[in-house]
Amino acid sequence: MAFCGTDSVMKDLVYGRYIPKEDRIEYDQEKINLIRSRRTQNMPHCQSCPVLKNCAGACLGEALNETGSIFGIKPHVCEAIRYLAKRMPLNQGLYSHLHP
């Protein structure tokens, strides 16, 4: 989930640009590092959550779009995920990713 341009709140998810004359993509390593830094241990709001490893703040794109922070969360979604986690099995190792 990203938009073109540098004025968008989503600009942190645009981590490269295409250079047509050279037919190559130039990557922005700082942006890549920022995206990679969105981990549960860097998200204070998630630290005490019982479903931390199954959610990790929910969708990065949506949270960034709504909060303006790459470490943002969506509290109403957190509430729904915790509600569902009490009523259905959590990820039991079937998938390698940690997303609801």
C-alpha atoms as a PDB file:
ATOM      1  CA  MET A   1       0.000   0.000   0.000  1.00  0.00           C
ATOM      2  CA  ALA A   2       1.786   3.111  -1.213  1.00  0.00           C
ATOM      3  CA  PHE A   3       1.265   6.207  -3.294  1.00  0.00           C
ATOM      4  CA  CYS A   4       3.458   8.068  -5.753  1.00  0.00           C
ATOM      5  CA  GLY A   5       5.036  11.323  -4.781  1.00  0.00           C
ATOM      6  CA  THR A   6       6.984  12.719  -1.895  1.00  0.00           C
ATOM      7  CA  ASP A   7       4.151  14.606  -0.198  1.00  0.00           C
ATOM      8  CA  SER A   8       2.148  11.558   0.801  1.00  0.00           C
ATOM      9  CA  VAL A   9       2.113  10.244   4.364  1.00  0.00           C
ATOM     10  CA  MET A  10       2.918   6.931   2.673  1.00  0.00           C
ATOM     11  CA  LYS A  11       6.275   8.196   1.395  1.00  0.00           C
ATOM     12  CA  ASP A  12       8.105   6.028   3.942  1.00  0.00           C
ATOM     13  CA  LEU A  13       6.997   2.949   1.972  1.00  0.00           C
ATOM     14  CA  VAL A  14       8.459   4.207  -1.313  1.00  0.00           C
ATOM     15  CA  TYR A  15      11.992   2.828  -1.040  1.00  0.00           C
ATOM     16  CA  GLY A  16      13.288   3.193  -4.560  1.00  0.00           C
ATOM     17  CA  ARG A  17      12.926   4.917  -7.888  1.00  0.00           C
ATOM     18  CA  TYR A  18      13.225   3.838 -11.470  1.00  0.00           C
ATOM     19  CA  ILE A  19      15.850   5.590 -13.596  1.00  0.00           C
ATOM     20  CA  PRO A  20      14.640   5.152 -17.192  1.00  0.00           C
ATOM     21  CA  LYS A  21      17.835   6.354 -18.936  1.00  0.00           C
ATOM     22  CA  GLU A  22      19.823   3.678 -17.131  1.00  0.00           C
ATOM     23  CA  ASP A  23      17.000   1.113 -17.028  1.00  0.00           C
ATOM     24  CA  ARG A  24      17.639   0.417 -13.361  1.00  0.00           C
ATOM     25  CA  ILE A  25      16.080   0.850  -9.953  1.00  0.00           C
ATOM     26  CA  GLU A  26      17.885   2.912  -7.339  1.00  0.00           C
ATOM     27  CA  TYR A  27      17.091   1.721  -3.817  1.00  0.00           C
ATOM     28  CA  ASP A  28      17.049   3.942  -0.741  1.00  0.00           C
ATOM     29  CA  GLN A  29      18.716   1.870   1.969  1.00  0.00           C
ATOM     30  CA  GLU A  30      17.601   4.263   4.733  1.00  0.00           C
ATOM     31  CA  LYS A  31      13.949   3.700   3.783  1.00  0.00           C
ATOM     32  CA  ILE A  32      14.513  -0.058   3.623  1.00  0.00           C
ATOM     33  CA  ASN A  33      16.092   0.023   7.084  1.00  0.00           C
ATOM     34  CA  LEU A  34      13.187   2.086   8.433  1.00  0.00           C
ATOM     35  CA  ILE A  35      10.640  -0.429   7.109  1.00  0.00           C
ATOM     36  CA  ARG A  36      12.654  -3.321   8.529  1.00  0.00           C
ATOM     37  CA  SER A  37      12.792  -1.573  11.907  1.00  0.00           C
ATOM     38  CA  ARG A  38       9.018  -1.915  12.335  1.00  0.00           C
ATOM     39  CA  ARG A  39       9.338  -4.851  14.675  1.00  0.00           C
ATOM     40  CA  THR A  40       7.403  -5.649  17.786  1.00  0.00           C
ATOM     41  CA  GLN A  41      10.354  -4.795  20.015  1.00  0.00           C
ATOM     42  CA  ASN A  42      10.309  -1.241  18.562  1.00  0.00           C
ATOM     43  CA  MET A  43       6.568  -0.737  19.080  1.00  0.00           C
ATOM     44  CA  PRO A  44       5.855   0.309  22.688  1.00  0.00           C
ATOM     45  CA  HIS A  45       2.077  -0.031  22.314  1.00  0.00           C
ATOM     46  CA  CYS A  46       2.465  -3.712  21.442  1.00  0.00           C
ATOM     47  CA  GLN A  47       4.790  -4.815  24.244  1.00  0.00           C
ATOM     48  CA  SER A  48       2.153  -6.029  26.697  1.00  0.00           C
ATOM     49  CA  CYS A  49      -0.323  -7.342  24.112  1.00  0.00           C
ATOM     50  CA  PRO A  50      -1.156 -11.043  24.463  1.00  0.00           C
ATOM     51  CA  VAL A  51      -1.338 -11.496  20.679  1.00  0.00           C
ATOM     52  CA  LEU A  52       1.859  -9.588  19.941  1.00  0.00           C
ATOM     53  CA  LYS A  53       3.371 -12.278  17.709  1.00  0.00           C
ATOM     54  CA  ASN A  54       0.177 -12.779  15.750  1.00  0.00           C
ATOM     55  CA  CYS A  55      -0.498  -9.147  14.997  1.00  0.00           C
ATOM     56  CA  ALA A  56       2.457  -6.786  15.518  1.00  0.00           C
ATOM     57  CA  GLY A  57       0.348  -3.681  15.089  1.00  0.00           C
ATOM     58  CA  ALA A  58      -1.714  -5.044  12.190  1.00  0.00           C
ATOM     59  CA  CYS A  59      -1.287  -3.766   8.640  1.00  0.00           C
ATOM     60  CA  LEU A  60       1.719  -1.466   8.240  1.00  0.00           C
ATOM     61  CA  GLY A  61       0.210   0.443   5.308  1.00  0.00           C
ATOM     62  CA  GLU A  62      -3.077   1.094   7.034  1.00  0.00           C
ATOM     63  CA  ALA A  63      -1.437   2.079  10.321  1.00  0.00           C
ATOM     64  CA  LEU A  64       0.995   4.446   8.585  1.00  0.00           C
ATOM     65  CA  ASN A  65      -1.791   5.973   6.510  1.00  0.00           C
ATOM     66  CA  GLU A  66      -3.968   6.579   9.564  1.00  0.00           C
ATOM     67  CA  THR A  67      -1.333   7.574  12.136  1.00  0.00           C
ATOM     68  CA  GLY A  68       1.496   9.054  10.063  1.00  0.00           C
ATOM     69  CA  SER A  69       4.020   6.844  11.864  1.00  0.00           C
ATOM     70  CA  ILE A  70       5.677   3.684  10.623  1.00  0.00           C
ATOM     71  CA  PHE A  71       5.370   2.449  14.222  1.00  0.00           C
ATOM     72  CA  GLY A  72       1.703   3.423  14.471  1.00  0.00           C
ATOM     73  CA  ILE A  73      -1.085   1.063  15.435  1.00  0.00           C
ATOM     74  CA  LYS A  74      -4.823   0.998  14.929  1.00  0.00           C
ATOM     75  CA  PRO A  75      -6.324   0.644  18.433  1.00  0.00           C
ATOM     76  CA  HIS A  76      -9.796  -0.332  17.195  1.00  0.00           C
ATOM     77  CA  VAL A  77      -8.235  -3.110  15.116  1.00  0.00           C
ATOM     78  CA  CYS A  78      -6.142  -4.201  18.105  1.00  0.00           C
ATOM     79  CA  GLU A  79      -9.320  -4.559  20.119  1.00  0.00           C
ATOM     80  CA  ALA A  80     -10.946  -6.681  17.398  1.00  0.00           C
ATOM     81  CA  ILE A  81      -7.868  -8.892  17.019  1.00  0.00           C
ATOM     82  CA  ARG A  82      -7.683  -9.521  20.775  1.00  0.00           C
ATOM     83  CA  TYR A  83     -11.402 -10.353  20.775  1.00  0.00           C
ATOM     84  CA  LEU A  84     -10.952 -12.863  17.942  1.00  0.00           C
ATOM     85  CA  ALA A  85      -7.786 -14.316  19.501  1.00  0.00           C
ATOM     86  CA  LYS A  86      -9.800 -15.357  22.556  1.00  0.00           C
ATOM     87  CA  ARG A  87     -12.320 -17.192  20.378  1.00  0.00           C
ATOM     88  CA  MET A  88     -10.282 -18.888  17.663  1.00  0.00           C
ATOM     89  CA  PRO A  89      -6.894 -20.629  17.406  1.00  0.00           C
ATOM     90  CA  LEU A  90      -3.871 -18.411  16.896  1.00  0.00           C
ATOM     91  CA  ASN A  91      -1.201 -19.098  14.286  1.00  0.00           C
ATOM     92  CA  GLN A  92       0.173 -22.444  15.375  1.00  0.00           C
ATOM     93  CA  GLY A  93       3.307 -22.435  13.251  1.00  0.00           C
ATOM     94  CA  LEU A  94       1.654 -23.230   9.936  1.00  0.00           C
ATOM     95  CA  TYR A  95       2.871 -20.015   8.370  1.00  0.00           C
ATOM     96  CA  SER A  96       6.261 -18.333   8.551  1.00  0.00           C
ATOM     97  CA  HIS A  97       4.858 -14.800   8.845  1.00  0.00           C
ATOM     98  CA  LEU A  98       3.445 -13.121  11.935  1.00  0.00           C
ATOM     99  CA  HIS A  99       0.351 -11.341  10.651  1.00  0.00           C
ATOM    100  CA  PRO A 100      -3.318 -11.898  11.585  1.00  0.00           C
END
